[in-house]
Amino acid sequence: MITFDDFKKLDIRIGKVLSAEKIPDSDKLVKLIIDIGGEERQVVAGIAESYPDPTALAGKEVPVIVNLEPRKLKGHMSEGMILAADADGHPVLLHPDREIPPGSIIR
């Protein structure tokens, strides 16, 4: 269990995927460029097996944790984390039920 104060430390915002491509030499990783409201971030996510054509993700809105410490994965910097549900061991991206501005804060 975490406290509500711990949860409040997470800065989760809606991001709009501008582009997505599979990372060469990786079966699982996709590199996404995401608009998080006036700022673009590169996020590397392990979703390639569930999204074999990552270019189809362009234009989708997804929740992104934006205050994670950057991390290098397979030589690519990841500056956030997209949130996904786990469906039988496979990630399924979450989306708002209607279009909202990139950078909208999730509370």
Protein backbone atom coordinates (compact mmCIF):
# COMPACT_ATOMS: atom_id res chain seq x y z
CA MET A 1 0.00 0.00 0.00
CA ILE A 2 1.06 3.55 -0.66
CA THR A 3 -0.30 6.68 0.90
CA PHE A 4 -2.38 9.23 -0.97
CA ASP A 5 0.56 11.63 -0.57
CA ASP A 6 2.76 9.10 -2.41
CA PHE A 7 0.19 8.86 -5.21
CA LYS A 8 0.07 12.67 -5.51
CA LYS A 9 3.80 12.65 -6.32
CA LEU A 10 3.01 11.09 -9.71
CA ASP A 11 2.62 13.65 -12.49
CA ILE A 12 0.34 11.87 -14.96
CA ARG A 13 -0.78 13.76 -18.05
CA ILE A 14 -2.46 13.01 -21.34
CA GLY A 15 -0.02 12.85 -24.20
CA LYS A 16 -0.70 12.69 -27.92
CA VAL A 17 1.45 10.24 -29.87
CA LEU A 18 3.12 12.13 -32.71
CA SER A 19 5.08 9.18 -34.06
CA ALA A 20 5.93 5.60 -33.12
CA GLU A 21 8.43 3.13 -34.52
CA LYS A 22 9.77 -0.26 -33.58
CA ILE A 23 13.29 -0.24 -32.17
CA PRO A 24 15.58 -2.35 -34.36
CA ASP A 25 17.13 -5.40 -32.68
CA SER A 26 14.30 -5.57 -30.14
CA ASP A 27 11.19 -7.74 -30.22
CA LYS A 28 9.39 -5.72 -27.54
CA LEU A 29 10.39 -2.06 -27.67
CA VAL A 30 8.70 0.83 -29.46
CA LYS A 31 10.00 4.41 -29.51
CA LEU A 32 7.22 6.99 -29.27
CA ILE A 33 7.43 10.75 -29.61
CA ILE A 34 4.65 12.18 -27.46
CA ASP A 35 3.31 15.74 -27.14
CA ILE A 36 2.62 16.29 -23.44
CA GLY A 37 1.37 19.84 -23.84
CA GLY A 38 3.86 22.16 -25.45
CA GLU A 39 6.74 19.72 -24.94
CA GLU A 40 7.69 16.61 -26.85
CA ARG A 41 9.05 13.60 -25.01
CA GLN A 42 10.61 10.39 -26.26
CA VAL A 43 9.19 7.36 -24.47
CA VAL A 44 10.34 3.79 -24.98
CA ALA A 45 7.67 1.18 -24.22
CA GLY A 46 7.56 -2.61 -24.29
CA ILE A 47 4.45 -2.82 -26.47
CA ALA A 48 5.75 -4.05 -29.85
CA GLU A 49 4.29 -7.54 -29.51
CA SER A 50 0.80 -6.12 -28.92
CA TYR A 51 1.12 -3.35 -31.52
CA PRO A 52 2.93 -4.88 -34.53
CA ASP A 53 2.32 -1.71 -36.61
CA PRO A 54 3.30 1.02 -34.14
CA THR A 55 2.84 3.72 -36.78
CA ALA A 56 -0.93 3.21 -36.29
CA LEU A 57 -0.52 4.71 -32.80
CA ALA A 58 0.12 8.20 -34.22
CA GLY A 59 -2.67 10.53 -33.14
CA LYS A 60 -3.72 8.40 -30.15
CA GLU A 61 -3.98 9.98 -26.72
CA VAL A 62 -2.43 8.06 -23.82
CA PRO A 63 -1.71 8.71 -20.14
CA VAL A 64 1.98 9.35 -19.46
CA ILE A 65 3.88 9.56 -16.19
CA VAL A 66 6.05 12.59 -16.94
CA ASN A 67 8.08 12.93 -13.74
CA LEU A 68 9.96 9.63 -13.86
CA GLU A 69 13.72 9.83 -13.98
CA PRO A 70 14.88 9.33 -17.61
CA ARG A 71 16.25 5.89 -18.39
CA LYS A 72 18.16 4.40 -21.32
CA LEU A 73 16.66 1.25 -22.90
CA LYS A 74 18.56 -0.49 -25.71
CA GLY A 75 20.50 2.74 -26.27
CA HIS A 76 17.38 4.97 -26.47
CA MET A 77 16.44 7.48 -23.76
CA SER A 78 12.97 7.15 -22.30
CA GLU A 79 11.63 10.33 -20.72
CA GLY A 80 8.42 9.00 -19.22
CA MET A 81 6.17 5.96 -19.07
CA ILE A 82 2.89 5.31 -20.83
CA LEU A 83 0.20 3.56 -18.80
CA ALA A 84 -1.40 0.38 -20.09
CA ALA A 85 -3.67 -2.32 -18.73
CA ASP A 86 -2.48 -5.92 -18.57
CA ALA A 87 -4.79 -8.26 -20.49
CA ASP A 88 -3.57 -11.84 -20.17
CA GLY A 89 0.05 -10.70 -20.08
CA HIS A 90 -0.30 -8.27 -23.00
CA PRO A 91 -0.34 -4.47 -22.68
CA VAL A 92 -3.45 -2.61 -23.84
CA LEU A 93 -3.12 1.15 -24.10
CA LEU A 94 -5.56 3.36 -22.22
CA HIS A 95 -7.29 6.29 -23.95
CA PRO A 96 -9.61 9.12 -22.86
CA ASP A 97 -13.21 8.62 -24.01
CA ARG A 98 -13.03 11.88 -25.98
CA GLU A 99 -10.23 14.05 -27.33
CA ILE A 100 -8.67 16.38 -24.76
CA PRO A 101 -5.68 18.72 -25.00
CA PRO A 102 -2.22 17.18 -24.65
CA GLY A 103 -0.82 17.98 -21.22
CA SER A 104 -4.18 17.62 -19.45
CA ILE A 105 -3.48 16.51 -15.90
CA ILE A 106 -4.89 13.25 -14.61
CA ARG A 107 -6.08 13.62 -11.04
